[in-house]
Amino acid sequence: MAASASKMPTLVAVTMLILAVACRASPYYPLQMGYYHEKCPQAEAIVKGVMKKAVYQNPGIGAGIIRMLFHDCFVEGCDASVLLDPTPFSPTPEKLSAPNNPSLRGFELIDEIKCAVEAACPGVVSCADIIAFAARDASYFLSAGRVYFDMPAGRRDGTFSNASEPLKFLVPPTSNLSELVTSFTDKGMSAEDLVVLSGAHTVGRSHCSSFVPDRLQAPSDIDGGLAKFLRSRCPANTTDSDDPTVMLDVVTPNKMDNQYYKNALGHKVLLNSDAELLMSPETAKMVEDNAKIPGWWEDRFKKAMVKMASIEVKTGHKGEIRKNCRAINHY
């Protein structure tokens, strides 16, 4: 009995070590699939229900939420810092930065989801996880179910947000291919991730100011017919008070599919950053595969979304679970 008892601490230690190694070996570490299954079993269903109604009423809001995930994760990691409103303590948060203001949308929808989740499970589900779930569900509904994937969770909300940060990490649509690839590799993402996630431009819209100067007012490879159409929609010189929006994909504007890549091959994309994907043999081949092989883009998009939603996440004792997505708890 004494010998058996003496082995127990060793067995416990070995078991704990095996469990720790197994957790770290998970492809989603430090996040977990099914993170809220016990803490708030209805969390993901609540998010999906609100997103279904919102996307069916306005497909553009789904595109906005997908873009929100990108803008959140590339700045301070996926920590919902993009949601924070100005306060005397922090008067210029990320949402006021040029890459986000006034084009980023979906804040009120995240508020609605947070309110519903808090009613079910107060203080449990982070705003960062809500953005990730909502972007996953937006992809599902916009693609009529073709883009379906599970999203790991366990992110905590950040407490810092400054308008200078997006300018460092969110490169403008005028960027060349090298700048685009570097912005992704700096975040642990690849050139293929860049090409695949750019496919989200199959939905959504763009302000004319994002492409008129370098695509319409300067020599470019843009298709003549598309250029004529865009000139009929956009002023030659945009201003803050005169900057209309147009659909990024004029063929299937409200449908998440691989049409974006067909548009790119036909030089029928709005943004220079989209046209730049054809500027190297490597990325041009990726564009062609996504355009021509059924299901190719959808499979890669799912994996890239999960990978992006894992950038520099805060877990454990880092960050907090905000009660209100627009404000840190102790303010």
C-alpha atoms as a PDB file:
ATOM      1  CA  MET A   1       0.000   0.000   0.000  1.00  0.00           C
ATOM      2  CA  ALA A   2       2.820   2.369   0.925  1.00  0.00           C
ATOM      3  CA  ALA A   3       4.553   1.700  -2.397  1.00  0.00           C
ATOM      4  CA  SER A   4       1.316   2.334  -4.320  1.00  0.00           C
ATOM      5  CA  ALA A   5       0.671   5.512  -2.409  1.00  0.00           C
ATOM      6  CA  SER A   6       4.152   6.776  -3.162  1.00  0.00           C
ATOM      7  CA  LYS A   7       3.511   6.381  -6.887  1.00  0.00           C
ATOM      8  CA  MET A   8       0.339   8.475  -6.860  1.00  0.00           C
ATOM      9  CA  PRO A   9       1.980  11.925  -6.971  1.00  0.00           C
ATOM     10  CA  THR A  10       4.136  10.773  -9.865  1.00  0.00           C
ATOM     11  CA  LEU A  11       1.128   9.456 -11.776  1.00  0.00           C
ATOM     12  CA  VAL A  12      -0.777  12.690 -11.187  1.00  0.00           C
ATOM     13  CA  ALA A  13       2.189  14.751 -12.334  1.00  0.00           C
ATOM     14  CA  VAL A  14       2.602  12.663 -15.488  1.00  0.00           C
ATOM     15  CA  THR A  15      -1.110  12.899 -16.237  1.00  0.00           C
ATOM     16  CA  MET A  16      -1.080  16.672 -15.835  1.00  0.00           C
ATOM     17  CA  LEU A  17       1.968  16.942 -18.075  1.00  0.00           C
ATOM     18  CA  ILE A  18       0.305  14.841 -20.784  1.00  0.00           C
ATOM     19  CA  LEU A  19      -2.819  17.017 -20.613  1.00  0.00           C
ATOM     20  CA  ALA A  20      -0.748  20.196 -20.811  1.00  0.00           C
ATOM     21  CA  VAL A  21       1.178  18.919 -23.835  1.00  0.00           C
ATOM     22  CA  ALA A  22      -2.063  17.808 -25.500  1.00  0.00           C
ATOM     23  CA  CYS A  23      -3.598  21.260 -25.018  1.00  0.00           C
ATOM     24  CA  ARG A  24      -0.583  22.998 -26.490  1.00  0.00           C
ATOM     25  CA  ALA A  25      -0.542  20.530 -29.366  1.00  0.00           C
ATOM     26  CA  SER A  26      -4.052  21.635 -30.352  1.00  0.00           C
ATOM     27  CA  PRO A  27      -3.970  23.546 -33.647  1.00  0.00           C
ATOM     28  CA  TYR A  28      -6.129  26.240 -32.014  1.00  0.00           C
ATOM     29  CA  TYR A  29      -4.084  26.755 -28.831  1.00  0.00           C
ATOM     30  CA  PRO A  30      -4.542  28.889 -26.764  1.00  0.00           C
ATOM     31  CA  LEU A  31      -8.109  29.024 -28.105  1.00  0.00           C
ATOM     32  CA  GLN A  32     -10.502  26.076 -27.863  1.00  0.00           C
ATOM     33  CA  MET A  33     -13.306  24.655 -29.929  1.00  0.00           C
ATOM     34  CA  GLY A  34     -16.526  24.557 -27.926  1.00  0.00           C
ATOM     35  CA  TYR A  35     -15.147  26.991 -25.360  1.00  0.00           C
ATOM     36  CA  TYR A  36     -18.631  28.074 -24.250  1.00  0.00           C
ATOM     37  CA  HIS A  37     -20.327  24.663 -24.325  1.00  0.00           C
ATOM     38  CA  GLU A  38     -20.461  24.582 -20.524  1.00  0.00           C
ATOM     39  CA  LYS A  39     -20.041  28.274 -19.668  1.00  0.00           C
ATOM     40  CA  CYS A  40     -22.787  29.528 -21.991  1.00  0.00           C
ATOM     41  CA  PRO A  41     -24.180  26.713 -24.167  1.00  0.00           C
ATOM     42  CA  GLN A  42     -26.472  28.982 -26.160  1.00  0.00           C
ATOM     43  CA  ALA A  43     -23.836  31.644 -26.967  1.00  0.00           C
ATOM     44  CA  GLU A  44     -23.064  30.639 -30.553  1.00  0.00           C
ATOM     45  CA  ALA A  45     -26.731  29.983 -31.353  1.00  0.00           C
ATOM     46  CA  ILE A  46     -27.627  33.477 -30.136  1.00  0.00           C
ATOM     47  CA  VAL A  47     -24.964  35.068 -32.330  1.00  0.00           C
ATOM     48  CA  LYS A  48     -26.074  33.009 -35.330  1.00  0.00           C
ATOM     49  CA  GLY A  49     -29.720  33.928 -34.843  1.00  0.00           C
ATOM     50  CA  VAL A  50     -29.050  37.658 -34.747  1.00  0.00           C
ATOM     51  CA  MET A  51     -26.672  37.431 -37.719  1.00  0.00           C
ATOM     52  CA  LYS A  52     -29.154  35.459 -39.814  1.00  0.00           C
ATOM     53  CA  LYS A  53     -31.811  38.137 -39.429  1.00  0.00           C
ATOM     54  CA  ALA A  54     -29.354  40.983 -40.026  1.00  0.00           C
ATOM     55  CA  VAL A  55     -27.700  39.514 -43.138  1.00  0.00           C
ATOM     56  CA  TYR A  56     -31.000  38.555 -44.749  1.00  0.00           C
ATOM     57  CA  GLN A  57     -32.250  42.111 -44.208  1.00  0.00           C
ATOM     58  CA  ASN A  58     -29.001  43.738 -45.367  1.00  0.00           C
ATOM     59  CA  PRO A  59     -26.267  41.551 -46.929  1.00  0.00           C
ATOM     60  CA  GLY A  60     -23.849  44.464 -46.745  1.00  0.00           C
ATOM     61  CA  ILE A  61     -23.776  44.310 -42.966  1.00  0.00           C
ATOM     62  CA  GLY A  62     -22.367  40.786 -43.211  1.00  0.00           C
ATOM     63  CA  ALA A  63     -19.521  42.068 -45.353  1.00  0.00           C
ATOM     64  CA  GLY A  64     -18.950  44.806 -42.792  1.00  0.00           C
ATOM     65  CA  ILE A  65     -18.611  42.308 -39.948  1.00  0.00           C
ATOM     66  CA  ILE A  66     -16.094  40.191 -41.885  1.00  0.00           C
ATOM     67  CA  ARG A  67     -14.066  43.346 -42.505  1.00  0.00           C
ATOM     68  CA  MET A  68     -14.385  44.257 -38.826  1.00  0.00           C
ATOM     69  CA  LEU A  69     -12.721  40.981 -37.828  1.00  0.00           C
ATOM     70  CA  PHE A  70      -9.784  41.757 -40.135  1.00  0.00           C
ATOM     71  CA  HIS A  71      -9.420  45.305 -38.831  1.00  0.00           C
ATOM     72  CA  ASP A  72      -9.657  44.118 -35.235  1.00  0.00           C
ATOM     73  CA  CYS A  73      -7.195  41.251 -35.497  1.00  0.00           C
ATOM     74  CA  PHE A  74      -4.467  43.094 -37.406  1.00  0.00           C
ATOM     75  CA  VAL A  75      -4.365  45.835 -34.743  1.00  0.00           C
ATOM     76  CA  GLU A  76      -3.566  44.780 -31.161  1.00  0.00           C
ATOM     77  CA  GLY A  77      -4.671  41.233 -31.986  1.00  0.00           C
ATOM     78  CA  CYS A  78      -8.246  39.895 -31.948  1.00  0.00           C
ATOM     79  CA  ASP A  79      -9.323  41.718 -28.787  1.00  0.00           C
ATOM     80  CA  ALA A  80     -12.299  43.902 -29.816  1.00  0.00           C
ATOM     81  CA  SER A  81     -10.192  47.049 -29.375  1.00  0.00           C
ATOM     82  CA  VAL A  82     -11.805  48.329 -32.585  1.00  0.00           C
ATOM     83  CA  LEU A  83     -15.156  48.571 -30.748  1.00  0.00           C
ATOM     84  CA  LEU A  84     -14.073  51.000 -28.025  1.00  0.00           C
ATOM     85  CA  ASP A  85     -15.673  54.460 -28.089  1.00  0.00           C
ATOM     86  CA  PRO A  86     -13.841  57.716 -27.285  1.00  0.00           C
ATOM     87  CA  THR A  87     -13.583  58.650 -23.619  1.00  0.00           C
ATOM     88  CA  PRO A  88     -11.739  61.428 -21.749  1.00  0.00           C
ATOM     89  CA  PHE A  89      -9.222  58.727 -20.801  1.00  0.00           C
ATOM     90  CA  SER A  90      -8.851  57.591 -24.429  1.00  0.00           C
ATOM     91  CA  PRO A  91     -10.209  60.297 -26.778  1.00  0.00           C
ATOM     92  CA  THR A  92      -8.909  58.823 -30.050  1.00  0.00           C
ATOM     93  CA  PRO A  93      -9.559  55.054 -30.225  1.00  0.00           C
ATOM     94  CA  GLU A  94      -9.040  52.844 -33.278  1.00  0.00           C
ATOM     95  CA  LYS A  95     -12.542  53.340 -34.658  1.00  0.00           C
ATOM     96  CA  LEU A  96     -11.697  57.008 -35.342  1.00  0.00           C
ATOM     97  CA  SER A  97      -8.617  56.146 -37.390  1.00  0.00           C
ATOM     98  CA  ALA A  98      -8.692  56.729 -41.164  1.00  0.00           C
ATOM     99  CA  PRO A  99      -8.762  53.015 -42.103  1.00  0.00           C
ATOM    100  CA  ASN A 100     -11.919  52.621 -39.970  1.00  0.00           C
ATOM    101  CA  ASN A 101     -13.703  55.954 -40.073  1.00  0.00           C
ATOM    102  CA  PRO A 102     -16.181  56.356 -41.680  1.00  0.00           C
ATOM    103  CA  SER A 103     -16.100  53.103 -43.663  1.00  0.00           C
ATOM    104  CA  LEU A 104     -16.170  50.432 -40.946  1.00  0.00           C
ATOM    105  CA  ARG A 105     -19.682  49.348 -40.036  1.00  0.00           C
ATOM    106  CA  GLY A 106     -21.501  46.850 -37.872  1.00  0.00           C
ATOM    107  CA  PHE A 107     -20.950  48.376 -34.439  1.00  0.00           C
ATOM    108  CA  GLU A 108     -24.654  48.553 -33.628  1.00  0.00           C
ATOM    109  CA  LEU A 109     -25.093  44.927 -34.699  1.00  0.00           C
ATOM    110  CA  ILE A 110     -22.339  43.822 -32.309  1.00  0.00           C
ATOM    111  CA  ASP A 111     -24.114  45.817 -29.580  1.00  0.00           C
ATOM    112  CA  GLU A 112     -27.334  43.927 -30.329  1.00  0.00           C
ATOM    113  CA  ILE A 113     -25.589  40.564 -30.164  1.00  0.00           C
ATOM    114  CA  LYS A 114     -23.788  41.457 -26.944  1.00  0.00           C
ATOM    115  CA  CYS A 115     -27.056  42.537 -25.332  1.00  0.00           C
ATOM    116  CA  ALA A 116     -28.685  39.213 -26.235  1.00  0.00           C
ATOM    117  CA  VAL A 117     -25.725  37.178 -25.025  1.00  0.00           C
ATOM    118  CA  GLU A 118     -25.474  39.137 -21.755  1.00  0.00           C
ATOM    119  CA  ALA A 119     -29.152  38.468 -21.085  1.00  0.00           C
ATOM    120  CA  ALA A 120     -28.435  34.738 -21.311  1.00  0.00           C
ATOM    121  CA  CYS A 121     -24.985  34.590 -19.691  1.00  0.00           C
ATOM    122  CA  PRO A 122     -23.909  37.812 -17.958  1.00  0.00           C
ATOM    123  CA  GLY A 123     -20.176  38.507 -17.951  1.00  0.00           C
ATOM    124  CA  VAL A 124     -19.160  35.311 -19.751  1.00  0.00           C
ATOM    125  CA  VAL A 125     -18.775  35.886 -23.496  1.00  0.00           C
ATOM    126  CA  SER A 126     -16.164  38.354 -24.715  1.00  0.00           C
ATOM    127  CA  CYS A 127     -16.792  40.958 -27.383  1.00  0.00           C
ATOM    128  CA  ALA A 128     -13.746  39.608 -29.235  1.00  0.00           C
ATOM    129  CA  ASP A 129     -15.349  36.173 -29.491  1.00  0.00           C
ATOM    130  CA  ILE A 130     -18.621  37.755 -30.595  1.00  0.00           C
ATOM    131  CA  ILE A 131     -16.862  39.451 -33.529  1.00  0.00           C
ATOM    132  CA  ALA A 132     -15.233  36.143 -34.503  1.00  0.00           C
ATOM    133  CA  PHE A 133     -18.487  34.181 -34.290  1.00  0.00           C
ATOM    134  CA  ALA A 134     -20.376  36.906 -36.153  1.00  0.00           C
ATOM    135  CA  ALA A 135     -17.833  36.959 -38.999  1.00  0.00           C
ATOM    136  CA  ARG A 136     -18.052  33.170 -39.239  1.00  0.00           C
ATOM    137  CA  ASP A 137     -21.849  33.335 -39.425  1.00  0.00           C
ATOM    138  CA  ALA A 138     -21.806  36.207 -41.931  1.00  0.00           C
ATOM    139  CA  SER A 139     -19.671  34.041 -44.215  1.00  0.00           C
ATOM    140  CA  TYR A 140     -22.140  31.184 -43.852  1.00  0.00           C
ATOM    141  CA  PHE A 141     -25.255  33.176 -44.683  1.00  0.00           C
ATOM    142  CA  LEU A 142     -23.690  35.231 -47.486  1.00  0.00           C
ATOM    143  CA  SER A 143     -22.483  32.024 -49.154  1.00  0.00           C
ATOM    144  CA  ALA A 144     -25.826  30.219 -48.739  1.00  0.00           C
ATOM    145  CA  GLY A 145     -24.098  27.690 -46.482  1.00  0.00           C
ATOM    146  CA  ARG A 146     -21.114  26.899 -48.705  1.00  0.00           C
ATOM    147  CA  VAL A 147     -18.649  28.565 -46.353  1.00  0.00           C
ATOM    148  CA  TYR A 148     -19.212  26.773 -43.051  1.00  0.00           C
ATOM    149  CA  PHE A 149     -16.591  26.292 -40.355  1.00  0.00           C
ATOM    150  CA  ASP A 150     -16.207  26.032 -36.604  1.00  0.00           C
ATOM    151  CA  MET A 151     -14.565  28.944 -34.801  1.00  0.00           C
ATOM    152  CA  PRO A 152     -12.437  28.373 -31.694  1.00  0.00           C
ATOM    153  CA  ALA A 153     -12.976  30.781 -28.807  1.00  0.00           C
ATOM    154  CA  GLY A 154     -11.545  31.956 -25.511  1.00  0.00           C
ATOM    155  CA  ARG A 155     -10.405  35.433 -26.558  1.00  0.00           C
ATOM    156  CA  ARG A 156     -10.523  38.180 -23.970  1.00  0.00           C
ATOM    157  CA  ASP A 157     -11.167  41.854 -24.610  1.00  0.00           C
ATOM    158  CA  GLY A 158      -8.376  44.390 -24.738  1.00  0.00           C
ATOM    159  CA  THR A 159      -8.239  47.606 -22.711  1.00  0.00           C
ATOM    160  CA  PHE A 160      -6.102  49.702 -25.073  1.00  0.00           C
ATOM    161  CA  SER A 161      -7.176  51.366 -28.316  1.00  0.00           C
ATOM    162  CA  ASN A 162      -5.473  54.204 -30.153  1.00  0.00           C
ATOM    163  CA  ALA A 163      -6.126  55.707 -33.574  1.00  0.00           C
ATOM    164  CA  SER A 164      -2.430  55.648 -34.465  1.00  0.00           C
ATOM    165  CA  GLU A 165      -2.254  51.847 -34.393  1.00  0.00           C
ATOM    166  CA  PRO A 166      -4.395  51.014 -37.478  1.00  0.00           C
ATOM    167  CA  LEU A 167      -2.161  53.264 -39.567  1.00  0.00           C
ATOM    168  CA  LYS A 168       0.764  50.967 -38.730  1.00  0.00           C
ATOM    169  CA  PHE A 169      -0.854  47.664 -39.620  1.00  0.00           C
ATOM    170  CA  LEU A 170      -3.741  48.260 -42.051  1.00  0.00           C
ATOM    171  CA  VAL A 171      -2.124  49.144 -45.355  1.00  0.00           C
ATOM    172  CA  PRO A 172      -4.194  51.312 -47.740  1.00  0.00           C
ATOM    173  CA  PRO A 173      -5.886  49.992 -50.906  1.00  0.00           C
ATOM    174  CA  THR A 174      -3.252  51.802 -52.962  1.00  0.00           C
ATOM    175  CA  SER A 175      -0.569  49.396 -51.678  1.00  0.00           C
ATOM    176  CA  ASN A 176       1.558  47.272 -53.977  1.00  0.00           C
ATOM    177  CA  LEU A 177       1.907  43.505 -53.696  1.00  0.00           C
ATOM    178  CA  SER A 178       5.116  43.612 -51.679  1.00  0.00           C
ATOM    179  CA  GLU A 179       3.553  45.907 -49.085  1.00  0.00           C
ATOM    180  CA  LEU A 180       0.451  43.723 -48.895  1.00  0.00           C
ATOM    181  CA  VAL A 181       2.422  40.504 -48.397  1.00  0.00           C
ATOM    182  CA  THR A 182       4.625  42.133 -45.755  1.00  0.00           C
ATOM    183  CA  SER A 183       1.573  43.342 -43.820  1.00  0.00           C
ATOM    184  CA  PHE A 184       0.383  39.737 -43.682  1.00  0.00           C
ATOM    185  CA  THR A 185       3.698  38.063 -42.888  1.00  0.00           C
ATOM    186  CA  ASP A 186       4.211  40.552 -40.054  1.00  0.00           C
ATOM    187  CA  LYS A 187       1.114  38.992 -38.473  1.00  0.00           C
ATOM    188  CA  GLY A 188       2.128  35.384 -39.095  1.00  0.00           C
ATOM    189  CA  MET A 189      -0.020  35.095 -42.201  1.00  0.00           C
ATOM    190  CA  SER A 190       1.148  33.982 -45.653  1.00  0.00           C
ATOM    191  CA  ALA A 191       0.886  35.273 -49.211  1.00  0.00           C
ATOM    192  CA  GLU A 192      -1.745  32.604 -49.810  1.00  0.00           C
ATOM    193  CA  ASP A 193      -3.717  33.888 -46.813  1.00  0.00           C
ATOM    194  CA  LEU A 194      -3.583  37.347 -48.398  1.00  0.00           C
ATOM    195  CA  VAL A 195      -4.976  36.061 -51.697  1.00  0.00           C
ATOM    196  CA  VAL A 196      -7.621  33.908 -50.019  1.00  0.00           C
ATOM    197  CA  LEU A 197      -8.877  36.559 -47.591  1.00  0.00           C
ATOM    198  CA  SER A 198      -8.938  39.157 -50.367  1.00  0.00           C
ATOM    199  CA  GLY A 199     -11.736  37.018 -51.757  1.00  0.00           C
ATOM    200  CA  ALA A 200     -13.996  38.571 -49.117  1.00  0.00           C
ATOM    201  CA  HIS A 201     -14.166  41.479 -51.574  1.00  0.00           C
ATOM    202  CA  THR A 202     -16.728  39.407 -53.409  1.00  0.00           C
ATOM    203  CA  VAL A 203     -19.208  41.166 -51.102  1.00  0.00           C
ATOM    204  CA  GLY A 204     -19.361  44.651 -49.671  1.00  0.00           C
ATOM    205  CA  ARG A 205     -18.722  48.088 -51.065  1.00  0.00           C
ATOM    206  CA  SER A 206     -16.014  50.700 -51.366  1.00  0.00           C
ATOM    207  CA  HIS A 207     -15.913  54.468 -51.176  1.00  0.00           C
ATOM    208  CA  CYS A 208     -14.958  56.054 -54.478  1.00  0.00           C
ATOM    209  CA  SER A 209     -12.002  57.761 -52.800  1.00  0.00           C
ATOM    210  CA  SER A 210     -10.390  54.346 -52.333  1.00  0.00           C
ATOM    211  CA  PHE A 211      -9.893  53.806 -56.067  1.00  0.00           C
ATOM    212  CA  VAL A 212     -10.628  56.944 -58.127  1.00  0.00           C
ATOM    213  CA  PRO A 213      -7.167  58.576 -57.788  1.00  0.00           C
ATOM    214  CA  ASP A 214      -5.035  55.569 -58.730  1.00  0.00           C
ATOM    215  CA  ARG A 215      -7.450  53.476 -60.818  1.00  0.00           C
ATOM    216  CA  LEU A 216      -9.508  56.031 -62.757  1.00  0.00           C
ATOM    217  CA  GLN A 217      -7.506  59.271 -62.655  1.00  0.00           C
ATOM    218  CA  ALA A 218      -4.182  57.588 -63.395  1.00  0.00           C
ATOM    219  CA  PRO A 219      -3.107  54.940 -65.937  1.00  0.00           C
ATOM    220  CA  SER A 220      -4.166  51.469 -64.750  1.00  0.00           C
ATOM    221  CA  ASP A 221      -5.128  48.049 -66.088  1.00  0.00           C
ATOM    222  CA  ILE A 222      -8.806  48.417 -65.156  1.00  0.00           C
ATOM    223  CA  ASP A 223     -11.292  47.139 -67.728  1.00  0.00           C
ATOM    224  CA  GLY A 224     -12.617  49.949 -69.895  1.00  0.00           C
ATOM    225  CA  GLY A 225     -16.256  49.033 -69.426  1.00  0.00           C
ATOM    226  CA  LEU A 226     -15.924  48.921 -65.654  1.00  0.00           C
ATOM    227  CA  ALA A 227     -14.027  52.223 -65.659  1.00  0.00           C
ATOM    228  CA  LYS A 228     -16.838  53.866 -67.623  1.00  0.00           C
ATOM    229  CA  PHE A 229     -19.426  52.505 -65.193  1.00  0.00           C
ATOM    230  CA  LEU A 230     -17.446  53.705 -62.165  1.00  0.00           C
ATOM    231  CA  ARG A 231     -16.989  57.173 -63.622  1.00  0.00           C
ATOM    232  CA  SER A 232     -20.751  57.403 -63.921  1.00  0.00           C
ATOM    233  CA  ARG A 233     -21.055  56.671 -60.188  1.00  0.00           C
ATOM    234  CA  CYS A 234     -18.068  58.536 -58.748  1.00  0.00           C
ATOM    235  CA  PRO A 235     -17.058  62.216 -58.849  1.00  0.00           C
ATOM    236  CA  ALA A 236     -13.714  62.952 -60.471  1.00  0.00           C
ATOM    237  CA  ASN A 237     -12.561  64.583 -57.253  1.00  0.00           C
ATOM    238  CA  THR A 238     -14.023  63.039 -54.120  1.00  0.00           C
ATOM    239  CA  THR A 239     -14.468  65.014 -50.914  1.00  0.00           C
ATOM    240  CA  ASP A 240     -15.603  64.128 -47.412  1.00  0.00           C
ATOM    241  CA  SER A 241     -19.088  65.320 -48.317  1.00  0.00           C
ATOM    242  CA  ASP A 242     -19.130  63.763 -51.806  1.00  0.00           C
ATOM    243  CA  ASP A 243     -17.714  60.250 -51.628  1.00  0.00           C
ATOM    244  CA  PRO A 244     -20.300  57.687 -52.771  1.00  0.00           C
ATOM    245  CA  THR A 245     -19.947  53.944 -52.397  1.00  0.00           C
ATOM    246  CA  VAL A 246     -20.123  51.260 -55.082  1.00  0.00           C
ATOM    247  CA  MET A 247     -20.223  47.485 -54.872  1.00  0.00           C
ATOM    248  CA  LEU A 248     -16.834  45.769 -54.922  1.00  0.00           C
ATOM    249  CA  ASP A 249     -18.214  42.923 -57.056  1.00  0.00           C
ATOM    250  CA  VAL A 250     -20.688  44.253 -59.590  1.00  0.00           C
ATOM    251  CA  VAL A 251     -21.492  40.746 -60.894  1.00  0.00           C
ATOM    252  CA  THR A 252     -22.677  39.010 -57.701  1.00  0.00           C
ATOM    253  CA  PRO A 253     -22.591  41.874 -55.166  1.00  0.00           C
ATOM    254  CA  ASN A 254     -24.517  40.151 -52.352  1.00  0.00           C
ATOM    255  CA  LYS A 255     -23.237  36.611 -52.821  1.00  0.00           C
ATOM    256  CA  MET A 256     -20.094  35.203 -51.253  1.00  0.00           C
ATOM    257  CA  ASP A 257     -18.502  33.164 -54.029  1.00  0.00           C
ATOM    258  CA  ASN A 258     -15.358  33.014 -56.163  1.00  0.00           C
ATOM    259  CA  GLN A 259     -16.552  35.678 -58.618  1.00  0.00           C
ATOM    260  CA  TYR A 260     -13.982  38.087 -57.180  1.00  0.00           C
ATOM    261  CA  TYR A 261     -11.186  36.003 -58.690  1.00  0.00           C
ATOM    262  CA  LYS A 262     -12.896  35.864 -62.078  1.00  0.00           C
ATOM    263  CA  ASN A 263     -13.206  39.628 -61.874  1.00  0.00           C
ATOM    264  CA  ALA A 264      -9.514  39.932 -61.029  1.00  0.00           C
ATOM    265  CA  LEU A 265      -8.485  37.846 -64.039  1.00  0.00           C
ATOM    266  CA  GLY A 266     -10.669  40.072 -66.231  1.00  0.00           C
ATOM    267  CA  HIS A 267      -9.174  43.258 -64.725  1.00  0.00           C
ATOM    268  CA  LYS A 268     -12.598  44.103 -63.318  1.00  0.00           C
ATOM    269  CA  VAL A 269     -11.662  44.870 -59.714  1.00  0.00           C
ATOM    270  CA  LEU A 270     -11.943  48.289 -58.096  1.00  0.00           C
ATOM    271  CA  LEU A 271      -8.976  48.477 -55.765  1.00  0.00           C
ATOM    272  CA  ASN A 272      -5.322  48.575 -56.692  1.00  0.00           C
ATOM    273  CA  SER A 273      -4.633  46.119 -53.857  1.00  0.00           C
ATOM    274  CA  ASP A 274      -6.876  43.615 -55.657  1.00  0.00           C
ATOM    275  CA  ALA A 275      -5.265  44.203 -59.055  1.00  0.00           C
ATOM    276  CA  GLU A 276      -1.822  43.716 -57.492  1.00  0.00           C
ATOM    277  CA  LEU A 277      -2.547  40.029 -56.856  1.00  0.00           C
ATOM    278  CA  LEU A 278      -1.743  39.420 -60.534  1.00  0.00           C
ATOM    279  CA  MET A 279       1.664  41.068 -60.257  1.00  0.00           C
ATOM    280  CA  SER A 280       3.608  37.910 -59.369  1.00  0.00           C
ATOM    281  CA  PRO A 281       3.440  34.441 -60.930  1.00  0.00           C
ATOM    282  CA  GLU A 282       2.886  32.887 -57.493  1.00  0.00           C
ATOM    283  CA  THR A 283      -0.117  34.961 -56.452  1.00  0.00           C
ATOM    284  CA  ALA A 284      -1.521  35.092 -60.003  1.00  0.00           C
ATOM    285  CA  LYS A 285      -1.601  31.275 -60.019  1.00  0.00           C
ATOM    286  CA  MET A 286      -3.511  31.352 -56.733  1.00  0.00           C
ATOM    287  CA  VAL A 287      -6.034  33.771 -58.218  1.00  0.00           C
ATOM    288  CA  GLU A 288      -6.478  31.494 -61.228  1.00  0.00           C
ATOM    289  CA  ASP A 289      -6.958  28.372 -59.069  1.00  0.00           C
ATOM    290  CA  ASN A 290      -9.519  30.141 -56.899  1.00  0.00           C
ATOM    291  CA  ALA A 291     -11.381  31.282 -60.001  1.00  0.00           C
ATOM    292  CA  LYS A 292     -11.414  27.990 -61.864  1.00  0.00           C
ATOM    293  CA  ILE A 293     -11.425  25.099 -59.365  1.00  0.00           C
ATOM    294  CA  PRO A 294     -14.839  24.546 -57.719  1.00  0.00           C
ATOM    295  CA  GLY A 295     -14.666  24.696 -53.919  1.00  0.00           C
ATOM    296  CA  TRP A 296     -10.955  25.582 -53.906  1.00  0.00           C
ATOM    297  CA  TRP A 297     -11.386  29.085 -52.529  1.00  0.00           C
ATOM    298  CA  GLU A 298     -14.112  28.202 -50.029  1.00  0.00           C
ATOM    299  CA  ASP A 299     -11.971  25.488 -48.393  1.00  0.00           C
ATOM    300  CA  ARG A 300      -9.008  27.813 -48.020  1.00  0.00           C
ATOM    301  CA  PHE A 301     -11.090  30.755 -46.871  1.00  0.00           C
ATOM    302  CA  LYS A 302     -12.420  28.768 -43.904  1.00  0.00           C
ATOM    303  CA  LYS A 303      -8.895  27.923 -42.708  1.00  0.00           C
ATOM    304  CA  ALA A 304      -7.592  31.442 -43.283  1.00  0.00           C
ATOM    305  CA  MET A 305     -10.454  32.962 -41.294  1.00  0.00           C
ATOM    306  CA  VAL A 306      -9.711  30.755 -38.280  1.00  0.00           C
ATOM    307  CA  LYS A 307      -6.001  31.523 -38.606  1.00  0.00           C
ATOM    308  CA  MET A 308      -6.616  35.276 -38.777  1.00  0.00           C
ATOM    309  CA  ALA A 309      -9.014  35.127 -35.831  1.00  0.00           C
ATOM    310  CA  SER A 310      -6.172  33.666 -33.740  1.00  0.00           C
ATOM    311  CA  ILE A 311      -3.715  36.537 -34.221  1.00  0.00           C
ATOM    312  CA  GLU A 312      -2.154  37.772 -30.952  1.00  0.00           C
ATOM    313  CA  VAL A 313      -5.182  36.776 -28.883  1.00  0.00           C
ATOM    314  CA  LYS A 314      -5.434  37.626 -25.204  1.00  0.00           C
ATOM    315  CA  THR A 315      -6.353  34.672 -23.000  1.00  0.00           C
ATOM    316  CA  GLY A 316      -6.082  33.577 -19.381  1.00  0.00           C
ATOM    317  CA  HIS A 317      -5.517  36.587 -17.141  1.00  0.00           C
ATOM    318  CA  LYS A 318      -4.840  39.031 -19.980  1.00  0.00           C
ATOM    319  CA  GLY A 319      -7.597  41.451 -20.891  1.00  0.00           C
ATOM    320  CA  GLU A 320     -11.145  41.256 -19.568  1.00  0.00           C
ATOM    321  CA  ILE A 321     -14.709  40.284 -20.463  1.00  0.00           C
ATOM    322  CA  ARG A 322     -16.357  43.625 -21.183  1.00  0.00           C
ATOM    323  CA  LYS A 323     -19.887  44.249 -19.973  1.00  0.00           C
ATOM    324  CA  ASN A 324     -20.323  46.825 -22.735  1.00  0.00           C
ATOM    325  CA  CYS A 325     -18.367  46.308 -25.950  1.00  0.00           C
ATOM    326  CA  ARG A 326     -17.879  50.049 -26.335  1.00  0.00           C
ATOM    327  CA  ALA A 327     -16.153  50.640 -22.990  1.00  0.00           C
ATOM    328  CA  ILE A 328     -13.625  48.964 -20.731  1.00  0.00           C
ATOM    329  CA  ASN A 329     -15.085  47.741 -17.445  1.00  0.00           C
ATOM    330  CA  HIS A 330     -13.259  49.955 -14.968  1.00  0.00           C
ATOM    331  CA  TYR A 331     -13.775  53.240 -16.793  1.00  0.00           C
END
